[in-house]
Amino acid sequence: MHAVLRINSFDPAKLAGAGEALREFDALHAAQPGFLGTVTVDLGDGRHFVMNLWRSAEDAQAGLSVLGPAVGRLIAPLLASPSELIGTGTVIRSDLAPDEGH
């Protein structure tokens, strides 16, 4: 499994009205071969830690050709500052369990 880690700093006012754009992006993301899911953590003040999980680094790289333009169209207009790539790498341990409450 491969992870891509980012900090996204959103403009809270723009984010509040962006439900449709976020749903469209999530659906596009989920449709990419090898995409396993996303963990998003609200850090407050519009900042989100985002971890995208992929079957492999090759799948993540291939997804960029579709997701890059979608980020520019759907996500970038909502940001207060450019998305910050923290890093990418192989997941060496995970004990994620499904959230039965959602």
Protein backbone atom coordinates (compact mmCIF):
# COMPACT_ATOMS: atom_id res chain seq x y z
CA MET A 1 0.00 0.00 0.00
CA HIS A 2 1.19 3.51 -0.85
CA ALA A 3 0.24 6.79 0.88
CA VAL A 4 0.22 10.41 -0.28
CA LEU A 5 0.17 12.92 2.60
CA ARG A 6 -0.88 16.57 2.28
CA ILE A 7 -1.96 19.59 4.28
CA ASN A 8 -4.73 21.53 2.56
CA SER A 9 -5.51 25.00 3.91
CA PHE A 10 -9.01 25.94 2.82
CA ASP A 11 -10.77 29.28 2.87
CA PRO A 12 -13.53 28.42 5.40
CA ALA A 13 -16.15 30.57 3.62
CA LYS A 14 -15.47 28.92 0.25
CA LEU A 15 -15.33 25.45 1.81
CA ALA A 16 -18.72 25.93 3.47
CA GLY A 17 -20.47 26.13 0.10
CA ALA A 18 -18.39 23.56 -1.75
CA GLY A 19 -20.29 20.34 -1.05
CA GLU A 20 -21.01 19.57 -4.72
CA ALA A 21 -17.41 20.20 -5.83
CA LEU A 22 -16.06 18.01 -3.03
CA ARG A 23 -18.50 15.19 -3.84
CA GLU A 24 -17.52 15.37 -7.51
CA PHE A 25 -13.82 15.22 -6.63
CA ASP A 26 -14.33 12.35 -4.18
CA ALA A 27 -16.24 10.34 -6.80
CA LEU A 28 -13.54 10.95 -9.41
CA HIS A 29 -10.86 9.97 -6.91
CA ALA A 30 -12.71 6.79 -5.93
CA ALA A 31 -13.04 5.78 -9.60
CA GLN A 32 -9.26 5.67 -10.14
CA PRO A 33 -7.73 2.19 -10.49
CA GLY A 34 -5.84 1.22 -7.35
CA PHE A 35 -7.36 3.94 -5.15
CA LEU A 36 -8.12 2.51 -1.69
CA GLY A 37 -9.49 5.52 0.20
CA THR A 38 -8.80 8.77 2.02
CA VAL A 39 -8.41 9.75 5.65
CA THR A 40 -9.02 13.47 6.27
CA VAL A 41 -8.40 15.11 9.64
CA ASP A 42 -9.76 18.58 10.47
CA LEU A 43 -6.87 20.47 12.08
CA GLY A 44 -8.96 23.61 12.62
CA ASP A 45 -8.88 27.03 10.96
CA GLY A 46 -9.60 25.48 7.54
CA ARG A 47 -6.55 23.20 7.64
CA HIS A 48 -7.01 19.52 6.72
CA PHE A 49 -4.50 16.72 6.91
CA VAL A 50 -5.24 14.36 4.00
CA MET A 51 -3.88 10.84 3.56
CA ASN A 52 -4.75 9.16 0.25
CA LEU A 53 -4.16 5.42 0.13
CA TRP A 54 -3.32 3.58 -3.07
CA ARG A 55 -2.56 -0.03 -3.90
CA SER A 56 0.83 1.04 -5.31
CA ALA A 57 2.99 4.05 -6.11
CA GLU A 58 2.35 3.33 -9.80
CA ASP A 59 -1.42 3.57 -9.26
CA ALA A 60 -0.99 6.89 -7.43
CA GLN A 61 1.18 8.24 -10.23
CA ALA A 62 -1.27 7.09 -12.92
CA GLY A 63 -4.15 8.75 -11.05
CA LEU A 64 -2.41 12.12 -11.28
CA SER A 65 -3.18 12.44 -14.98
CA VAL A 66 -6.91 12.49 -14.16
CA LEU A 67 -6.82 14.01 -10.69
CA GLY A 68 -4.38 16.86 -11.39
CA PRO A 69 -6.76 18.77 -13.67
CA ALA A 70 -9.66 18.01 -11.31
CA VAL A 71 -7.71 19.47 -8.39
CA GLY A 72 -7.15 22.63 -10.40
CA ARG A 73 -10.83 22.91 -11.26
CA LEU A 74 -12.53 21.71 -8.07
CA ILE A 75 -10.15 22.00 -5.10
CA ALA A 76 -7.65 24.79 -5.80
CA PRO A 77 -10.33 27.52 -5.93
CA LEU A 78 -11.30 26.58 -2.36
CA LEU A 79 -7.78 26.86 -0.94
CA ALA A 80 -6.44 29.81 1.06
CA SER A 81 -2.89 28.74 0.14
CA PRO A 82 -1.39 26.06 -2.11
CA SER A 83 -1.71 22.44 -1.01
CA GLU A 84 1.41 21.29 0.85
CA LEU A 85 2.77 17.86 -0.05
CA ILE A 86 4.19 16.38 3.14
CA GLY A 87 5.43 13.24 1.46
CA THR A 88 4.66 9.93 -0.17
CA GLY A 89 5.72 6.44 0.73
CA THR A 90 5.01 2.80 1.38
CA VAL A 91 2.63 2.08 4.24
CA ILE A 92 4.57 -0.15 6.61
CA ARG A 93 1.80 -0.70 9.16
CA SER A 94 -1.94 -0.12 9.30
CA ASP A 95 -4.70 -1.25 11.62
CA LEU A 96 -7.51 0.83 10.16
CA ALA A 97 -10.93 -0.59 10.87
CA PRO A 98 -14.22 0.46 9.25
CA ASP A 99 -16.10 3.22 11.06
CA GLU A 100 -19.44 1.58 11.77
CA GLY A 101 -20.96 4.87 12.92
CA HIS A 102 -20.80 6.53 9.47
